[in-house]
């Protein structure tokens, strides 16, 4: 007779897995958003410092240096670091899920069985 998992346990496992996937997608979206901001800055920001405008903070985007304000730099850093933290949290959730629930058992292959005497 096959042992059935508790329905509540199965629901918690599914919820944990879905939450981890959603958190991972949010973190990944933030990382992609950060990259798009980098390239937007590369296209739009000046390539020489402009102290009058406050553009004195260099940003090197693949060898092209542009200058940003402190607020632009801080905003980009917040998005980048929080996205990495969220993505790392999803990786931690995946590790906990793997440790707690493990992988589901694989079904036996068809054909000769280890119980057959051949």
Protein backbone atom coordinates (compact mmCIF):
# COMPACT_ATOMS: atom_id res chain seq x y z
CA UNK A 1 0.00 0.00 0.00
CA UNK A 2 1.31 3.43 -0.94
CA UNK A 3 1.59 6.03 1.78
CA UNK A 4 -0.15 9.34 0.96
CA UNK A 5 1.21 12.69 2.02
CA UNK A 6 -0.76 14.83 4.35
CA UNK A 7 -2.84 17.32 2.31
CA UNK A 8 -1.81 20.23 4.53
CA UNK A 9 1.86 19.34 4.11
CA UNK A 10 1.42 19.12 0.36
CA UNK A 11 -0.28 22.53 0.28
CA UNK A 12 2.53 24.08 2.33
CA UNK A 13 5.10 22.55 -0.01
CA UNK A 14 3.31 23.96 -3.07
CA UNK A 15 2.93 27.37 -1.43
CA UNK A 16 6.61 27.46 -0.46
CA UNK A 17 7.68 26.49 -3.97
CA UNK A 18 5.42 29.06 -5.65
CA UNK A 19 6.52 31.81 -3.27
CA UNK A 20 10.16 31.00 -4.00
CA UNK A 21 9.56 31.15 -7.74
CA UNK A 22 7.71 34.47 -7.48
CA UNK A 23 10.43 35.99 -5.29
CA UNK A 24 13.09 34.77 -7.72
CA UNK A 25 11.25 36.29 -10.69
CA UNK A 26 10.91 39.61 -8.87
CA UNK A 27 14.65 39.62 -8.11
CA UNK A 28 15.49 38.70 -11.69
CA UNK A 29 13.21 41.45 -13.02
CA UNK A 30 15.00 43.94 -10.79
CA UNK A 31 18.38 42.84 -12.11
CA UNK A 32 17.16 43.22 -15.70
CA UNK A 33 15.72 46.63 -14.80
CA UNK A 34 19.09 47.68 -13.37
CA UNK A 35 20.84 46.66 -16.58
CA UNK A 36 18.37 48.66 -18.66
CA UNK A 37 18.98 51.72 -16.47
CA UNK A 38 22.74 51.33 -16.98
CA UNK A 39 22.29 51.37 -20.74
CA UNK A 40 19.84 54.26 -20.56
CA UNK A 41 22.41 56.21 -18.54
CA UNK A 42 25.06 55.30 -21.12
CA UNK A 43 22.91 56.78 -23.91
CA UNK A 44 21.66 59.89 -22.10
CA UNK A 45 24.18 61.07 -19.50
CA UNK A 46 27.18 63.30 -20.32
CA UNK A 47 30.61 61.78 -20.79
CA UNK A 48 32.37 64.64 -19.03
CA UNK A 49 31.82 65.81 -15.46
CA UNK A 50 29.50 68.77 -15.01
CA UNK A 51 30.02 70.14 -11.47
CA UNK A 52 27.39 72.86 -11.94
CA UNK A 53 24.68 70.25 -12.59
CA UNK A 54 26.08 67.94 -9.90
CA UNK A 55 27.13 65.27 -12.41
CA UNK A 56 30.43 64.37 -10.80
CA UNK A 57 29.91 60.67 -9.99
CA UNK A 58 31.43 58.43 -12.68
CA UNK A 59 29.69 55.29 -13.90
CA UNK A 60 31.65 52.94 -16.15
CA UNK A 61 29.29 51.09 -18.50
CA UNK A 62 31.43 48.59 -20.41
CA UNK A 63 34.31 51.01 -20.91
CA UNK A 64 32.22 54.13 -21.48
CA UNK A 65 32.32 56.51 -18.52
CA UNK A 66 29.31 58.74 -17.93
CA UNK A 67 28.70 61.13 -15.06
CA UNK A 68 25.65 61.01 -12.85
CA UNK A 69 24.28 62.95 -9.90
CA UNK A 70 24.37 61.59 -6.37
CA UNK A 71 20.61 60.89 -6.47
CA UNK A 72 20.93 58.95 -9.74
CA UNK A 73 23.82 56.94 -8.34
CA UNK A 74 22.01 56.21 -5.07
CA UNK A 75 18.79 55.21 -6.89
CA UNK A 76 20.68 52.83 -9.18
CA UNK A 77 22.56 51.32 -6.23
CA UNK A 78 19.33 50.78 -4.25
CA UNK A 79 17.66 48.98 -7.14
CA UNK A 80 20.73 46.88 -7.88
CA UNK A 81 21.50 45.81 -4.31
CA UNK A 82 17.88 45.16 -3.35
CA UNK A 83 17.35 43.08 -6.50
CA UNK A 84 20.41 41.00 -5.70
CA UNK A 85 19.20 40.57 -2.11
CA UNK A 86 15.73 39.46 -3.28
CA UNK A 87 17.22 37.02 -5.79
CA UNK A 88 19.55 35.65 -3.09
CA UNK A 89 16.56 35.22 -0.77
CA UNK A 90 14.84 33.13 -3.44
CA UNK A 91 17.95 30.96 -3.76
CA UNK A 92 17.89 30.48 0.02
CA UNK A 93 14.20 29.58 -0.17
CA UNK A 94 14.99 27.01 -2.87
CA UNK A 95 17.73 25.50 -0.71
CA UNK A 96 15.40 25.28 2.29
CA UNK A 97 12.66 23.76 0.11
CA UNK A 98 15.10 21.17 -1.22
CA UNK A 99 16.33 20.34 2.29
CA UNK A 100 12.85 20.12 3.84
CA UNK A 101 10.86 18.48 1.06
CA UNK A 102 13.53 16.93 -1.16
CA UNK A 103 12.83 15.71 -4.64
CA UNK A 104 9.76 13.61 -5.33
CA UNK A 105 10.50 9.94 -5.93
CA UNK A 106 10.86 8.92 -9.54
CA UNK A 107 8.45 6.27 -10.81
CA UNK A 108 9.93 2.84 -11.55
CA UNK A 109 10.98 2.15 -15.12
CA UNK A 110 8.99 -0.30 -17.17
CA UNK A 111 10.54 -3.57 -18.11
CA UNK A 112 12.26 -6.13 -15.98
CA UNK A 113 11.94 -5.64 -12.30
CA UNK A 114 14.57 -6.34 -9.69
CA UNK A 115 12.08 -8.76 -8.13
CA UNK A 116 11.87 -10.93 -11.22
CA UNK A 117 14.26 -13.82 -10.95
CA UNK A 118 15.97 -13.25 -14.32
